[in-house]
Amino acid sequence: MVIGIFILGCDKNTVDAEYLAGILAEKGCEVIAEPPLTMPLDAAVVVTCGFIADAKVESIDKILELAQAKETLGNPKRLYIMGCLSQRYANDLSTEVPQIDGIVGVGQMKQLAAMILAEKTHHTLVRPVPRTSFRGALPRQRLDTRPYAFLKIADGCNHACTFCSIPIMKGAYQSIPPHTLLREAQQLLAQGVRELNLVAQDIAGYGIDQWKSYRLPHLLKDLCSLSGTFWIRLLYCYPHGITDPLLEVMATEPKIVPYLDIPFQHFDPEVLERMGRPFGKLNPEEVVSKVRSAMPGIVLRTTMLVGFPGESPRAHRNMLQAMERLRFERLGAFIYSPEEGTPAANFPKQVRRVTRQRRWDTVMSLQAEISAAFCASRVGSRTQVLVEDFDKDLQMYVTRSAAEAPEVDGLVYVTSEKPLALGEFIDVQITNADVYDIYAVPSEKSERQKP
């Protein structure tokens, strides 16, 4: 069988898609990511996202595109849906899109693989209570050749943020056992991965649901003990979990890059309280100061949610003023959208759509200035980069340094007369900068570390 997988949403979906691909590949299937619809497919799988309204629309559009291709072209022969959107709206999808042959929810990669291999049609198998955990390790087949990968250390969420539907779709927080993660990490490294990006809804909560004493710092030490030259990057670390032991491990383990993603969502105390953020009365500025004191030069990323119900002009100004003071090197922003089943959807003082958009524009404009200043400050310095690709149009190598997380931050474009190997680390001299991207050449004294 030839199976096409179309991945939407977050990087945790990418991991689940690669688990599904691994199961199918073991049964002799050829699995291809994002194949053109001119390629004959025995089945297509859409890995859906249901986080916010735009993500839902994107998932539905892809489902409808494939459903139409199936009906009019006979390709793909069968269509299956998995992930967050199908977990929550399985009945609606099966009713509204009769071309769908099978639907599963979150954490059901084994069940979907069995459904595909048995060529089942018009079959829905979604747990009434979502659960992302699974027994034992799953085989994982990478769906691209990039030298980085996401290592999902947990899934689900126990937080009760008033704007978020993730607990409804994913269920309770579930940590993946360390021996499973270490084996998966070893396999990824053996396949050429040179950067492991740790992800979960909140990586700081790792282990709290399973073990008395084994936590994120312990997992990091175990991962760093694996042989080879590679980076470890920490994403989605809630501020209340940034402990002294965690900072000590980050500061002392050379494989852990000096980068941390702390999703604050807002800086106004009243808005944070209405959001129900789990870090309570923690002062964001104190958290940032603590991290930067422990790791001078660390690059910090955060996320802002703009236009939350009751966000006054003063609260919005508080967000902007905190951005000015804290100057996160990396910052992304979402426009608030009322999500069905969340408390915030029924909150009074919903902010008008045009106001939300205007405030988002202001946030991103300010962050562009901060990012441009940060990038400009790096001109003339040396840094190590991981070579990922070659852009034929630009005639430049596409790379990233420790300061750039994959897929969300800028890039380092390197001009080199000598060929560079994809997946190698190389020292470069930064020569120029844009708002988000920087440009470099190999350093004369570069120490190249080949994969």
Protein backbone atom coordinates (compact mmCIF):
# COMPACT_ATOMS: atom_id res chain seq x y z
CA MET A 1 0.00 0.00 0.00
CA VAL A 2 1.01 3.59 -0.65
CA ILE A 3 -0.17 5.90 2.14
CA GLY A 4 -0.07 9.69 2.05
CA ILE A 5 -0.02 11.61 5.32
CA PHE A 6 -1.01 15.27 5.53
CA ILE A 7 0.08 16.88 8.80
CA LEU A 8 -1.59 19.98 10.19
CA GLY A 9 -1.16 21.71 13.52
CA CYS A 10 1.60 21.43 16.08
CA ASP A 11 4.84 19.47 16.15
CA LYS A 12 3.25 16.91 18.46
CA ASN A 13 1.09 16.01 15.46
CA THR A 14 4.28 15.53 13.46
CA VAL A 15 5.48 13.00 16.04
CA ASP A 16 2.15 11.13 16.02
CA ALA A 17 2.21 11.04 12.21
CA GLU A 18 5.70 9.50 12.32
CA TYR A 19 4.49 6.89 14.82
CA LEU A 20 1.69 5.98 12.43
CA ALA A 21 4.17 5.87 9.56
CA GLY A 22 6.43 3.57 11.57
CA ILE A 23 3.62 1.11 12.28
CA LEU A 24 2.54 1.05 8.64
CA ALA A 25 6.11 0.77 7.33
CA GLU A 26 6.68 -2.31 9.49
CA LYS A 27 3.74 -3.88 7.65
CA GLY A 28 5.29 -3.16 4.28
CA CYS A 29 3.52 0.09 3.42
CA GLU A 30 5.18 2.99 1.65
CA VAL A 31 4.37 6.14 3.60
CA ILE A 32 4.84 9.59 2.05
CA ALA A 33 4.33 12.99 3.65
CA GLU A 34 2.36 15.60 1.71
CA PRO A 35 2.32 13.73 -1.62
CA PRO A 36 0.86 15.47 -4.68
CA LEU A 37 -2.61 14.25 -5.54
CA THR A 38 -1.28 13.16 -8.93
CA MET A 39 0.41 10.29 -7.08
CA PRO A 40 -1.80 7.19 -6.80
CA LEU A 41 -2.63 6.63 -3.12
CA ASP A 42 -4.27 3.59 -1.58
CA ALA A 43 -5.14 5.78 1.38
CA ALA A 44 -4.65 9.31 2.67
CA VAL A 45 -4.53 10.36 6.32
CA VAL A 46 -5.17 13.88 7.59
CA VAL A 47 -3.64 14.61 11.00
CA THR A 48 -5.95 17.37 12.21
CA CYS A 49 -5.67 20.30 14.61
CA GLY A 50 -8.53 21.86 16.55
CA PHE A 51 -6.67 24.37 18.72
CA ILE A 52 -8.12 27.63 17.39
CA ALA A 53 -10.63 28.65 14.72
CA ASP A 54 -8.02 29.15 11.98
CA ALA A 55 -6.53 25.70 12.67
CA LYS A 56 -9.98 24.10 12.45
CA VAL A 57 -10.64 25.80 9.12
CA GLU A 58 -7.26 24.66 7.76
CA SER A 59 -7.95 21.06 8.79
CA ILE A 60 -11.46 21.08 7.33
CA ASP A 61 -10.22 22.60 4.07
CA LYS A 62 -7.64 19.82 3.69
CA ILE A 63 -10.24 17.13 4.46
CA LEU A 64 -12.63 18.60 1.88
CA GLU A 65 -9.87 18.86 -0.72
CA LEU A 66 -9.01 15.18 -0.33
CA ALA A 67 -12.67 14.16 -0.15
CA GLN A 68 -13.34 15.89 -3.47
CA ALA A 69 -10.27 14.29 -5.04
CA LYS A 70 -11.45 10.89 -3.85
CA GLU A 71 -14.93 11.42 -5.27
CA THR A 72 -13.98 12.96 -8.61
CA LEU A 73 -10.61 11.36 -9.35
CA GLY A 74 -10.78 8.16 -7.35
CA ASN A 75 -7.55 9.20 -5.65
CA PRO A 76 -6.97 8.63 -2.82
CA LYS A 77 -8.89 5.39 -2.77
CA ARG A 78 -9.65 5.79 0.95
CA LEU A 79 -9.57 8.73 3.36
CA TYR A 80 -8.87 8.59 7.10
CA ILE A 81 -8.84 11.29 9.76
CA MET A 82 -7.01 11.42 13.10
CA GLY A 83 -6.05 13.97 15.76
CA CYS A 84 -7.65 16.72 17.81
CA LEU A 85 -10.40 17.83 15.45
CA SER A 86 -11.58 14.28 14.87
CA GLN A 87 -11.43 13.55 18.61
CA ARG A 88 -13.91 16.32 19.28
CA TYR A 89 -16.06 16.37 16.14
CA ALA A 90 -16.03 12.79 14.87
CA ASN A 91 -19.80 12.55 14.47
CA ASP A 92 -20.03 15.87 12.65
CA LEU A 93 -17.19 14.94 10.30
CA SER A 94 -18.61 11.53 9.44
CA THR A 95 -22.03 13.06 8.75
CA GLU A 96 -20.89 16.11 6.79
CA VAL A 97 -18.12 14.39 4.81
CA PRO A 98 -19.37 10.92 3.80
CA GLN A 99 -16.21 10.34 1.74
CA ILE A 100 -14.30 9.76 5.00
CA ASP A 101 -13.62 6.03 5.46
CA GLY A 102 -12.33 6.05 9.02
CA ILE A 103 -11.93 8.36 12.00
CA VAL A 104 -9.91 8.02 15.19
CA GLY A 105 -9.06 10.52 17.90
CA VAL A 106 -5.85 11.37 19.72
CA GLY A 107 -3.32 8.71 20.72
CA GLN A 108 -4.91 6.06 18.49
CA MET A 109 -2.15 5.44 15.97
CA LYS A 110 -2.27 1.65 16.41
CA GLN A 111 -6.01 1.56 15.90
CA LEU A 112 -5.82 3.69 12.78
CA ALA A 113 -3.03 1.57 11.31
CA ALA A 114 -5.14 -1.56 11.85
CA MET A 115 -8.08 0.16 10.19
CA ILE A 116 -6.01 1.13 7.15
CA LEU A 117 -4.39 -2.28 6.79
CA ALA A 118 -7.80 -3.98 6.99
CA GLU A 119 -9.11 -1.52 4.39
CA LYS A 120 -12.06 -0.71 6.64
CA THR A 121 -14.54 1.88 5.44
CA HIS A 122 -17.13 4.01 7.21
CA HIS A 123 -15.59 3.15 10.54
CA THR A 124 -15.33 5.48 13.54
CA LEU A 125 -13.30 4.55 16.60
CA VAL A 126 -12.91 7.51 18.93
CA ARG A 127 -12.55 7.15 22.70
CA PRO A 128 -15.29 9.04 24.57
CA VAL A 129 -12.64 10.20 27.05
CA PRO A 130 -9.50 11.31 25.20
CA ARG A 131 -6.20 9.69 26.17
CA THR A 132 -2.85 10.34 24.54
CA SER A 133 -0.91 7.58 26.28
CA PHE A 134 -0.18 4.21 24.73
CA ARG A 135 1.36 1.00 26.02
CA GLY A 136 4.96 0.34 25.10
CA ALA A 137 7.11 2.04 22.51
CA LEU A 138 5.92 2.71 18.99
CA PRO A 139 8.11 2.42 15.90
CA ARG A 140 8.80 5.80 14.35
CA GLN A 141 9.59 6.51 10.72
CA ARG A 142 10.81 9.99 9.93
CA LEU A 143 8.88 11.66 7.15
CA ASP A 144 11.66 14.01 6.05
CA THR A 145 15.45 14.21 6.08
CA ARG A 146 15.91 17.34 8.17
CA PRO A 147 18.65 17.10 10.82
CA TYR A 148 16.27 17.99 13.64
CA ALA A 149 13.32 16.21 15.19
CA PHE A 150 10.74 16.72 17.89
CA LEU A 151 10.85 14.43 20.89
CA LYS A 152 7.42 14.37 22.51
CA ILE A 153 8.04 13.73 26.19
CA ALA A 154 4.40 14.07 27.27
CA ASP A 155 0.98 14.95 25.91
CA GLY A 156 -2.36 16.05 27.28
CA CYS A 157 -2.82 18.81 29.84
CA ASN A 158 -3.96 19.17 33.45
CA HIS A 159 -4.09 22.97 33.39
CA ALA A 160 -7.42 24.79 33.31
CA CYS A 161 -6.69 27.88 31.22
CA THR A 162 -10.05 29.46 30.50
CA PHE A 163 -9.36 30.05 26.79
CA CYS A 164 -7.95 26.65 25.87
CA SER A 165 -9.71 23.56 24.51
CA ILE A 166 -6.65 21.30 24.56
CA PRO A 167 -7.67 19.41 27.76
CA ILE A 168 -11.06 18.74 26.13
CA MET A 169 -9.41 17.24 23.05
CA LYS A 170 -6.28 15.65 24.55
CA GLY A 171 -7.28 14.60 28.05
CA ALA A 172 -5.05 14.39 31.11
CA TYR A 173 -1.30 15.00 31.10
CA GLN A 174 0.62 11.79 30.35
CA SER A 175 4.40 11.56 30.63
CA ILE A 176 6.18 9.08 28.37
CA PRO A 177 8.52 6.75 30.31
CA PRO A 178 12.19 7.74 30.18
CA HIS A 179 13.41 4.40 28.83
CA THR A 180 11.03 4.80 25.88
CA LEU A 181 12.25 8.33 25.23
CA LEU A 182 15.92 7.39 25.49
CA ARG A 183 15.51 4.55 23.01
CA GLU A 184 13.59 6.81 20.62
CA ALA A 185 16.24 9.53 20.97
CA GLN A 186 19.00 7.02 20.18
CA GLN A 187 17.13 5.90 17.07
CA LEU A 188 16.66 9.47 15.90
CA LEU A 189 20.33 10.26 16.41
CA ALA A 190 21.29 7.11 14.50
CA GLN A 191 19.12 8.34 11.61
CA GLY A 192 21.04 11.60 11.33
CA VAL A 193 19.15 13.88 13.71
CA ARG A 194 21.44 16.46 15.28
CA GLU A 195 18.90 18.45 17.27
CA LEU A 196 16.28 17.05 19.64
CA ASN A 197 13.49 19.50 20.40
CA LEU A 198 11.64 18.49 23.55
CA VAL A 199 7.91 19.17 23.32
CA ALA A 200 4.74 18.65 25.34
CA GLN A 201 1.83 20.85 26.29
CA ASP A 202 4.12 21.78 29.22
CA ILE A 203 7.50 20.07 29.40
CA ALA A 204 8.03 21.46 32.92
CA GLY A 205 5.36 19.04 34.17
CA TYR A 206 7.26 15.99 32.97
CA GLY A 207 7.10 13.10 35.44
CA ILE A 208 4.74 14.70 37.93
CA ASP A 209 1.91 12.36 36.87
CA GLN A 210 4.00 9.19 37.06
CA TRP A 211 6.95 9.20 39.43
CA LYS A 212 7.86 10.56 42.87
CA SER A 213 11.25 11.97 42.02
CA TYR A 214 12.02 11.62 38.28
CA ARG A 215 11.46 14.98 36.61
CA LEU A 216 12.60 17.02 33.62
CA PRO A 217 16.12 17.70 34.98
CA HIS A 218 16.68 13.95 35.38
CA LEU A 219 15.47 13.26 31.84
CA LEU A 220 17.75 15.98 30.49
CA LYS A 221 20.78 14.47 32.20
CA ASP A 222 19.95 11.06 30.78
CA LEU A 223 19.49 12.46 27.28
CA CYS A 224 22.76 14.37 27.51
CA SER A 225 24.56 11.14 28.44
CA LEU A 226 23.76 9.68 25.01
CA SER A 227 26.83 9.52 22.78
CA GLY A 228 27.29 11.76 19.79
CA THR A 229 27.35 15.44 18.92
CA PHE A 230 23.89 16.95 19.06
CA TRP A 231 21.78 19.75 20.53
CA ILE A 232 18.85 19.57 22.92
CA ARG A 233 16.31 22.40 22.88
CA LEU A 234 13.52 23.02 25.39
CA LEU A 235 10.14 24.21 24.11
CA TYR A 236 6.86 25.04 25.92
CA CYS A 237 8.20 25.27 29.47
CA TYR A 238 5.67 26.91 31.78
CA PRO A 239 7.22 29.45 34.18
CA HIS A 240 6.21 27.75 37.43
CA GLY A 241 8.27 24.73 36.40
CA ILE A 242 11.50 26.65 35.84
CA THR A 243 13.23 25.44 38.99
CA ASP A 244 16.77 25.86 40.23
CA PRO A 245 17.61 22.21 39.40
CA LEU A 246 16.36 22.74 35.84
CA LEU A 247 18.41 25.90 35.36
CA GLU A 248 21.47 24.19 36.82
CA VAL A 249 21.22 21.33 34.31
CA MET A 250 20.69 23.75 31.45
CA ALA A 251 23.68 25.85 32.47
CA THR A 252 26.07 22.93 32.96
CA GLU A 253 25.18 20.51 30.16
CA PRO A 254 26.84 21.67 26.92
CA LYS A 255 24.42 19.72 24.72
CA ILE A 256 21.49 21.84 25.94
CA VAL A 257 21.35 25.03 23.88
CA PRO A 258 20.90 28.34 25.76
CA TYR A 259 17.33 28.80 24.57
CA LEU A 260 14.03 28.53 26.42
CA ASP A 261 10.42 28.91 25.31
CA ILE A 262 8.23 30.27 28.15
CA PRO A 263 4.60 30.73 27.02
CA PHE A 264 3.40 33.59 29.25
CA GLN A 265 0.41 34.57 27.01
CA HIS A 266 0.08 37.99 28.70
CA PHE A 267 1.79 40.32 31.17
CA ASP A 268 -1.20 42.08 32.73
CA PRO A 269 -1.97 40.53 36.18
CA GLU A 270 -5.75 40.89 35.85
CA VAL A 271 -5.82 39.33 32.39
CA LEU A 272 -3.57 36.48 33.54
CA GLU A 273 -5.94 35.81 36.44
CA ARG A 274 -8.96 35.66 34.13
CA MET A 275 -7.01 33.39 31.81
CA GLY A 276 -6.52 30.97 34.70
CA ARG A 277 -2.83 30.58 33.93
CA PRO A 278 -1.30 27.90 36.20
CA PHE A 279 1.60 29.99 37.45
CA GLY A 280 -0.72 32.07 39.62
CA LYS A 281 0.91 35.08 41.17
CA LEU A 282 4.36 34.53 39.67
CA ASN A 283 5.80 37.77 38.35
CA PRO A 284 6.91 37.29 34.72
CA GLU A 285 9.68 39.85 35.12
CA GLU A 286 11.11 37.99 38.11
CA VAL A 287 11.01 34.71 36.17
CA VAL A 288 12.84 36.23 33.21
CA SER A 289 15.41 37.87 35.49
CA LYS A 290 16.04 34.56 37.24
CA VAL A 291 16.58 32.71 33.96
CA ARG A 292 18.86 35.35 32.48
CA SER A 293 20.90 35.55 35.69
CA ALA A 294 21.40 31.79 35.67
CA MET A 295 22.28 31.69 31.96
CA PRO A 296 23.65 35.02 30.68
CA GLY A 297 23.13 35.32 26.95
CA ILE A 298 20.22 32.85 26.82
CA VAL A 299 17.69 33.45 24.04
CA LEU A 300 14.10 33.52 25.31
CA ARG A 301 10.91 32.97 23.38
CA THR A 302 7.35 33.59 24.51
CA THR A 303 3.80 33.72 23.16
CA MET A 304 1.19 36.44 23.55
CA LEU A 305 -2.58 36.01 23.31
CA VAL A 306 -4.06 39.28 22.11
CA GLY A 307 -7.63 40.48 22.61
CA PHE A 308 -8.66 38.20 25.48
CA PRO A 309 -12.15 39.03 26.87
CA GLY A 310 -11.94 42.03 29.16
CA GLU A 311 -8.51 43.08 27.85
CA SER A 312 -8.74 46.84 28.34
CA PRO A 313 -6.60 49.40 26.54
CA ARG A 314 -4.60 49.69 29.77
CA ALA A 315 -4.04 45.93 29.90
CA HIS A 316 -2.88 45.98 26.29
CA ARG A 317 -0.49 48.80 27.10
CA ASN A 318 0.83 46.74 30.00
CA MET A 319 1.61 43.95 27.55
CA LEU A 320 3.47 46.31 25.23
CA GLN A 321 5.39 47.98 28.05
CA ALA A 322 6.47 44.60 29.44
CA MET A 323 7.60 43.56 25.97
CA GLU A 324 9.72 46.72 25.84
CA ARG A 325 11.29 46.01 29.23
CA LEU A 326 11.84 42.26 28.87
CA ARG A 327 12.77 42.30 25.18
CA PHE A 328 12.21 38.65 24.37
CA GLU A 329 14.48 37.79 21.49
CA ARG A 330 11.67 35.66 20.05
CA LEU A 331 7.95 36.26 20.42
CA GLY A 332 4.89 34.99 18.61
CA ALA A 333 1.30 36.16 19.03
CA PHE A 334 -2.17 34.73 18.49
CA ILE A 335 -5.41 36.62 18.14
CA TYR A 336 -7.91 35.35 20.71
CA SER A 337 -10.77 33.29 19.27
CA PRO A 338 -13.69 32.03 21.40
CA GLU A 339 -13.45 28.25 21.54
CA GLU A 340 -16.52 26.11 22.05
CA GLY A 341 -16.68 24.60 25.54
CA THR A 342 -14.17 26.96 27.15
CA PRO A 343 -15.19 29.33 29.96
CA ALA A 344 -13.70 32.36 28.21
CA ALA A 345 -16.09 31.95 25.28
CA ASN A 346 -18.88 33.05 27.60
CA PHE A 347 -16.97 35.79 29.41
CA PRO A 348 -18.41 39.31 29.24
CA LYS A 349 -16.58 42.14 27.50
CA GLN A 350 -15.55 40.22 24.42
CA VAL A 351 -13.10 42.38 22.45
CA ARG A 352 -14.25 43.36 18.96
CA ARG A 353 -12.60 41.51 16.08
CA VAL A 354 -11.24 44.70 14.52
CA THR A 355 -9.71 45.70 17.87
CA ARG A 356 -8.12 42.30 18.32
CA GLN A 357 -6.55 42.54 14.89
CA ARG A 358 -5.28 46.07 15.50
CA ARG A 359 -3.71 45.06 18.81
CA TRP A 360 -2.07 42.03 17.21
CA ASP A 361 -0.60 44.27 14.53
CA THR A 362 0.81 46.54 17.24
CA VAL A 363 2.35 43.62 19.14
CA MET A 364 4.01 42.18 16.05
CA SER A 365 5.25 45.60 14.93
CA LEU A 366 6.93 46.15 18.29
CA GLN A 367 8.41 42.66 18.26
CA ALA A 368 9.79 43.26 14.77
CA GLU A 369 11.74 46.23 16.17
CA ILE A 370 13.03 44.15 19.08
CA SER A 371 13.98 41.28 16.79
CA ALA A 372 15.73 43.57 14.33
CA ALA A 373 17.79 45.11 17.13
CA PHE A 374 18.71 41.66 18.44
CA CYS A 375 19.75 40.42 14.99
CA ALA A 376 21.76 43.60 14.34
CA SER A 377 23.58 43.17 17.65
CA ARG A 378 24.91 39.83 16.43
CA VAL A 379 26.64 41.21 13.34
CA GLY A 380 30.39 40.66 13.61
CA SER A 381 30.12 37.83 16.12
CA ARG A 382 30.81 34.14 15.65
CA THR A 383 28.35 31.36 16.29
CA GLN A 384 27.90 27.67 15.58
CA VAL A 385 25.18 26.63 13.17
CA LEU A 386 23.56 23.39 12.05
CA VAL A 387 23.43 23.04 8.26
CA GLU A 388 19.93 22.02 7.15
CA ASP A 389 19.47 22.70 3.46
CA PHE A 390 20.73 24.52 0.38
CA ASP A 391 18.57 27.22 -1.20
CA LYS A 392 19.20 26.98 -4.95
CA ASP A 393 17.53 30.31 -5.68
CA LEU A 394 19.60 32.22 -3.12
CA GLN A 395 22.67 30.03 -3.60
CA MET A 396 23.02 29.95 0.17
CA TYR A 397 23.00 27.24 2.81
CA VAL A 398 20.03 27.28 5.17
CA THR A 399 21.20 26.88 8.76
CA ARG A 400 20.19 27.66 12.34
CA SER A 401 22.16 28.54 15.43
CA ALA A 402 21.23 27.87 19.05
CA ALA A 403 19.26 31.13 18.90
CA GLU A 404 16.75 29.85 16.33
CA ALA A 405 14.21 27.15 17.05
CA PRO A 406 13.03 25.24 13.98
CA GLU A 407 9.92 26.33 12.11
CA VAL A 408 9.07 29.31 14.34
CA ASP A 409 12.17 31.52 14.37
CA GLY A 410 14.39 33.04 11.71
CA LEU A 411 17.23 31.38 9.82
CA VAL A 412 20.95 31.83 9.31
CA TYR A 413 21.82 31.98 5.62
CA VAL A 414 25.43 31.01 4.95
CA THR A 415 27.40 31.76 1.81
CA SER A 416 30.22 29.25 1.33
CA GLU A 417 32.51 28.57 -1.60
CA LYS A 418 33.28 25.14 -0.18
CA PRO A 419 30.43 22.63 -0.07
CA LEU A 420 28.86 22.04 3.31
CA ALA A 421 27.34 18.74 4.37
CA LEU A 422 23.76 18.73 5.54
CA GLY A 423 23.62 17.79 9.20
CA GLU A 424 27.05 19.13 10.10
CA PHE A 425 27.86 21.81 12.67
CA ILE A 426 30.07 24.67 11.50
CA ASP A 427 31.33 27.92 12.99
CA VAL A 428 30.32 31.04 11.07
CA GLN A 429 30.95 34.77 11.16
CA ILE A 430 27.77 36.86 11.05
CA THR A 431 28.03 39.55 8.35
CA ASN A 432 24.54 41.03 8.01
CA ALA A 433 21.06 40.92 9.50
CA ASP A 434 17.40 41.44 8.58
CA VAL A 435 14.45 41.70 10.94
CA TYR A 436 14.37 37.96 11.65
CA ASP A 437 17.11 36.33 9.56
CA ILE A 438 20.86 36.76 9.67
CA TYR A 439 23.58 36.15 7.09
CA ALA A 440 27.01 34.63 7.62
CA VAL A 441 30.10 33.08 6.09
CA PRO A 442 32.17 30.19 7.43
CA SER A 443 34.63 31.39 10.04
CA GLU A 444 38.27 31.21 9.01
CA LYS A 445 38.95 29.19 12.14
CA SER A 446 35.80 27.16 11.84
CA GLU A 447 35.66 23.84 13.68
CA ARG A 448 33.51 21.61 11.54
CA GLN A 449 31.76 18.73 13.28
CA LYS A 450 30.43 16.30 10.75
CA PRO A 451 27.48 14.05 11.46
